[in-house]
Amino acid sequence: MAAPTARPHVLMMSEITADGKLTLKNGASSKILMKYMAHETEILLHETRAAYDAIMVGANTIRIDNSFLTVRLVPGKSPLRVIPTSMADIPPDANVLGPDAPTVIAISEKAPADRVAAIRAKGVSVVVAGKEHVDLPLLMQILTEQFGVKKLMIEGGPTLNWHMLHNKLVDEIRLIHLPFIVGGSDTPSLVGGMHINSEDEMIRLNLKKYYMCGTNLVSEFDVLYT
């Protein structure tokens, strides 16, 4: 039996409403809800960023939120920003392509050459991690071996969260609970992806800690894979 490939320790961190939603509606920015986080919780988020080597979000989150993904409210170094986008379809004026922190754009071999060239022209690193789609286990290996990433946090949307969990790449989950109900059958929730067929496919968690951070409840889980 082959030894498991080295990969970073991965924390998934997200704000979430009482009914499990990330935004107000499909296509809306998560920043609308994040502005209701307590200041203490904002500090917790930035302290977590400062404690990690890299931070990853999906390209759709970048298109909607256009986040900087930097450390701002506390002292500390901004983490390496990692954006998987199979076809290199990230806006050329995206803030993560700016000089505020180093960035890695992960693409597939199918990515159009002109888009890749435009990204490289911004001075960021581009890595090929898959033939038709970004292979997340391969990307984790590349981040470990080529960029020295030992601890990675995800602030992703439901698609990236699903693929990371489905590939058994998430070790911990930290949730910032917001006291709102949003509703909406198509409103993005913490994890998207395919419907499961039975309880055997559920991803089990172990609640290890919960506490108040300002006015927000924060819960922390270990992810249990069978």
Protein backbone atom coordinates (compact mmCIF):
# COMPACT_ATOMS: atom_id res chain seq x y z
CA MET A 1 0.00 0.00 0.00
CA ALA A 2 1.44 3.37 -1.08
CA ALA A 3 2.05 6.02 1.54
CA PRO A 4 -0.45 8.90 1.45
CA THR A 5 0.71 11.96 -0.43
CA ALA A 6 1.78 14.84 1.79
CA ARG A 7 -0.73 17.67 1.85
CA PRO A 8 -1.43 20.72 4.00
CA HIS A 9 -3.57 20.60 7.12
CA VAL A 10 -6.83 22.19 5.93
CA LEU A 11 -9.30 24.34 7.86
CA MET A 12 -12.63 25.32 6.28
CA MET A 13 -13.88 28.59 7.80
CA SER A 14 -17.13 30.32 6.98
CA GLU A 15 -19.87 32.56 8.25
CA ILE A 16 -23.27 30.85 8.11
CA THR A 17 -26.87 31.80 8.88
CA ALA A 18 -29.12 29.82 11.22
CA ASP A 19 -30.52 27.99 8.18
CA GLY A 20 -27.10 27.22 6.75
CA LYS A 21 -26.88 29.91 4.05
CA LEU A 22 -23.80 31.81 2.92
CA THR A 23 -25.48 34.71 1.10
CA LEU A 24 -28.86 36.40 0.67
CA LYS A 25 -29.57 34.78 -2.70
CA ASN A 26 -27.85 33.03 -5.57
CA GLY A 27 -25.21 35.35 -7.05
CA ALA A 28 -25.16 37.75 -4.08
CA SER A 29 -21.93 38.63 -2.31
CA SER A 30 -21.23 37.04 1.06
CA LYS A 31 -19.92 40.43 2.15
CA ILE A 32 -23.55 41.52 2.69
CA LEU A 33 -23.89 39.04 5.57
CA MET A 34 -20.31 39.39 6.78
CA LYS A 35 -20.89 43.04 7.68
CA TYR A 36 -23.19 41.76 10.48
CA MET A 37 -20.36 39.85 12.16
CA ALA A 38 -19.23 41.19 15.50
CA HIS A 39 -15.95 43.09 15.42
CA GLU A 40 -14.41 40.43 17.65
CA THR A 41 -15.34 37.82 15.05
CA GLU A 42 -13.80 39.88 12.26
CA ILE A 43 -10.60 39.92 14.30
CA LEU A 44 -10.82 36.13 14.73
CA LEU A 45 -11.08 35.74 10.95
CA HIS A 46 -8.00 37.88 10.33
CA GLU A 47 -6.06 36.22 13.15
CA THR A 48 -6.81 32.89 11.49
CA ARG A 49 -5.59 34.15 8.12
CA ALA A 50 -2.38 35.38 9.74
CA ALA A 51 -1.82 31.95 11.32
CA TYR A 52 -2.06 30.04 8.03
CA ASP A 53 0.40 29.68 5.16
CA ALA A 54 -2.24 29.92 2.43
CA ILE A 55 -5.89 30.79 1.86
CA MET A 56 -8.02 29.35 -0.95
CA VAL A 57 -11.31 30.39 -2.54
CA GLY A 58 -12.90 29.42 -5.83
CA ALA A 59 -13.00 31.57 -8.94
CA ASN A 60 -16.76 32.15 -8.60
CA THR A 61 -16.24 33.64 -5.15
CA ILE A 62 -13.64 35.97 -6.65
CA ARG A 63 -16.02 36.97 -9.44
CA ILE A 64 -18.81 37.78 -6.96
CA ASP A 65 -16.92 39.13 -3.91
CA ASN A 66 -13.64 40.33 -5.47
CA SER A 67 -11.98 39.86 -2.07
CA PHE A 68 -8.38 40.81 -1.26
CA LEU A 69 -7.92 37.80 1.09
CA THR A 70 -5.31 39.67 3.10
CA VAL A 71 -4.61 40.23 6.81
CA ARG A 72 -5.78 43.69 7.78
CA LEU A 73 -7.21 43.96 11.30
CA VAL A 74 -4.32 42.34 13.18
CA PRO A 75 -0.52 42.28 12.86
CA GLY A 76 0.77 39.47 10.70
CA LYS A 77 1.72 38.38 7.23
CA SER A 78 -0.94 37.84 4.58
CA PRO A 79 -1.13 34.21 3.45
CA LEU A 80 -0.46 32.93 -0.04
CA ARG A 81 -3.69 33.31 -2.02
CA VAL A 82 -4.71 30.21 -3.99
CA ILE A 83 -7.44 30.32 -6.64
CA PRO A 84 -8.35 27.14 -8.56
CA THR A 85 -9.93 28.01 -11.90
CA SER A 86 -9.80 25.22 -14.47
CA MET A 87 -10.25 27.47 -17.50
CA ALA A 88 -8.37 30.49 -16.11
CA ASP A 89 -11.58 32.49 -16.20
CA ILE A 90 -10.78 34.96 -13.48
CA PRO A 91 -11.36 38.70 -14.05
CA PRO A 92 -8.10 40.40 -15.09
CA ASP A 93 -8.79 43.22 -12.62
CA ALA A 94 -9.45 40.88 -9.66
CA ASN A 95 -7.98 42.15 -6.41
CA VAL A 96 -6.19 38.83 -5.78
CA LEU A 97 -4.05 39.54 -8.85
CA GLY A 98 -2.73 42.69 -7.20
CA PRO A 99 0.49 43.19 -5.23
CA ASP A 100 -1.01 43.00 -1.72
CA ALA A 101 0.03 39.35 -1.23
CA PRO A 102 1.51 36.51 -3.33
CA THR A 103 -0.99 34.53 -5.41
CA VAL A 104 -1.12 31.12 -7.08
CA ILE A 105 -3.66 30.54 -9.84
CA ALA A 106 -4.25 26.81 -10.42
CA ILE A 107 -5.45 25.88 -13.91
CA SER A 108 -5.99 22.82 -16.09
CA GLU A 109 -4.22 21.92 -19.31
CA LYS A 110 -7.40 23.00 -21.16
CA ALA A 111 -7.14 26.64 -20.04
CA PRO A 112 -6.96 29.03 -23.03
CA ALA A 113 -3.44 30.32 -23.63
CA ASP A 114 -4.51 33.96 -23.90
CA ARG A 115 -6.17 33.90 -20.49
CA VAL A 116 -3.15 32.23 -18.93
CA ALA A 117 -0.84 34.80 -20.50
CA ALA A 118 -2.98 37.66 -19.14
CA ILE A 119 -2.79 36.18 -15.63
CA ARG A 120 0.98 35.65 -15.83
CA ALA A 121 1.35 39.26 -16.96
CA LYS A 122 0.02 40.29 -13.55
CA GLY A 123 3.11 38.77 -11.95
CA VAL A 124 1.36 35.94 -10.11
CA SER A 125 2.29 32.25 -10.15
CA VAL A 126 0.34 29.90 -12.42
CA VAL A 127 0.43 26.13 -11.88
CA VAL A 128 -1.13 23.40 -14.03
CA ALA A 129 -2.90 20.88 -11.79
CA GLY A 130 -4.98 18.60 -13.99
CA LYS A 131 -5.92 17.82 -17.58
CA GLU A 132 -9.49 19.10 -17.96
CA HIS A 133 -10.25 20.29 -14.43
CA VAL A 134 -8.14 21.32 -11.46
CA ASP A 135 -7.28 18.14 -9.58
CA LEU A 136 -7.52 19.27 -5.96
CA PRO A 137 -5.44 16.43 -4.44
CA LEU A 138 -2.73 17.23 -6.99
CA LEU A 139 -2.99 20.93 -6.18
CA MET A 140 -2.55 20.14 -2.48
CA GLN A 141 0.60 18.20 -3.34
CA ILE A 142 1.93 21.09 -5.46
CA LEU A 143 1.25 23.60 -2.68
CA THR A 144 3.14 21.41 -0.22
CA GLU A 145 6.11 20.55 -2.41
CA GLN A 146 6.58 23.76 -4.42
CA PHE A 147 5.32 26.47 -2.07
CA GLY A 148 5.96 24.97 1.36
CA VAL A 149 2.33 25.23 2.45
CA LYS A 150 1.75 23.31 5.67
CA LYS A 151 -1.51 24.95 6.78
CA LEU A 152 -4.26 25.99 4.36
CA MET A 153 -7.56 27.65 5.13
CA ILE A 154 -10.56 27.72 2.82
CA GLU A 155 -13.04 30.59 2.71
CA GLY A 156 -14.80 29.09 -0.27
CA GLY A 157 -18.29 28.81 -1.61
CA PRO A 158 -20.42 25.66 -1.77
CA THR A 159 -18.76 24.20 -4.87
CA LEU A 160 -15.17 24.39 -3.64
CA ASN A 161 -16.26 23.25 -0.17
CA TRP A 162 -17.97 20.20 -1.65
CA HIS A 163 -15.04 19.17 -3.81
CA MET A 164 -12.56 19.56 -0.95
CA LEU A 165 -14.73 17.48 1.38
CA HIS A 166 -15.54 14.92 -1.32
CA ASN A 167 -11.81 14.42 -1.89
CA LYS A 168 -11.27 14.05 1.88
CA LEU A 169 -8.99 17.07 2.02
CA VAL A 170 -10.56 19.00 4.91
CA ASP A 171 -9.40 18.35 8.49
CA GLU A 172 -11.31 20.98 10.47
CA ILE A 173 -14.35 23.23 10.05
CA ARG A 174 -14.89 26.51 11.93
CA LEU A 175 -18.30 28.17 11.58
CA ILE A 176 -19.29 31.70 12.55
CA HIS A 177 -23.03 31.59 13.22
CA LEU A 178 -25.11 34.61 12.25
CA PRO A 179 -28.56 34.95 13.88
CA PHE A 180 -30.55 35.27 10.69
CA ILE A 181 -32.80 33.09 8.53
CA VAL A 182 -32.50 33.73 4.80
CA GLY A 183 -34.40 30.91 3.11
CA GLY A 184 -34.50 30.23 -0.62
CA SER A 185 -34.27 26.80 -2.21
CA ASP A 186 -31.42 27.91 -4.47
CA THR A 187 -29.62 30.16 -1.97
CA PRO A 188 -26.03 28.90 -1.59
CA SER A 189 -25.42 26.86 1.55
CA LEU A 190 -22.13 25.80 3.14
CA VAL A 191 -21.72 22.75 0.90
CA GLY A 192 -23.14 22.17 -2.58
CA GLY A 193 -22.32 19.28 -4.88
CA MET A 194 -24.22 16.12 -5.65
CA HIS A 195 -27.11 14.80 -3.56
CA ILE A 196 -26.23 11.78 -1.47
CA ASN A 197 -28.18 8.54 -1.76
CA SER A 198 -27.97 7.25 1.79
CA GLU A 199 -26.81 8.11 5.29
CA ASP A 200 -23.69 6.07 4.62
CA GLU A 201 -22.47 8.90 2.39
CA MET A 202 -22.84 11.61 5.02
CA ILE A 203 -19.62 13.27 6.11
CA ARG A 204 -19.45 12.99 9.87
CA LEU A 205 -18.11 15.68 12.18
CA ASN A 206 -16.96 15.73 15.78
CA LEU A 207 -17.84 18.91 17.67
CA LYS A 208 -14.73 19.79 19.64
CA LYS A 209 -15.33 23.37 20.74
CA TYR A 210 -17.93 26.13 20.80
CA TYR A 211 -17.78 29.62 22.25
CA MET A 212 -19.08 33.16 21.96
CA CYS A 213 -16.93 35.62 20.04
CA GLY A 214 -18.50 38.99 20.64
CA THR A 215 -22.16 38.39 19.79
CA ASN A 216 -21.46 35.46 17.46
CA LEU A 217 -21.47 31.78 18.32
CA VAL A 218 -18.44 29.99 16.86
CA SER A 219 -18.38 26.21 16.51
CA GLU A 220 -15.36 24.06 15.64
CA PHE A 221 -15.41 20.51 14.29
CA ASP A 222 -13.00 17.78 13.29
CA VAL A 223 -13.95 16.06 10.03
CA LEU A 224 -14.24 12.29 10.34
CA TYR A 225 -13.71 10.22 7.19
CA THR A 226 -14.45 6.53 7.11
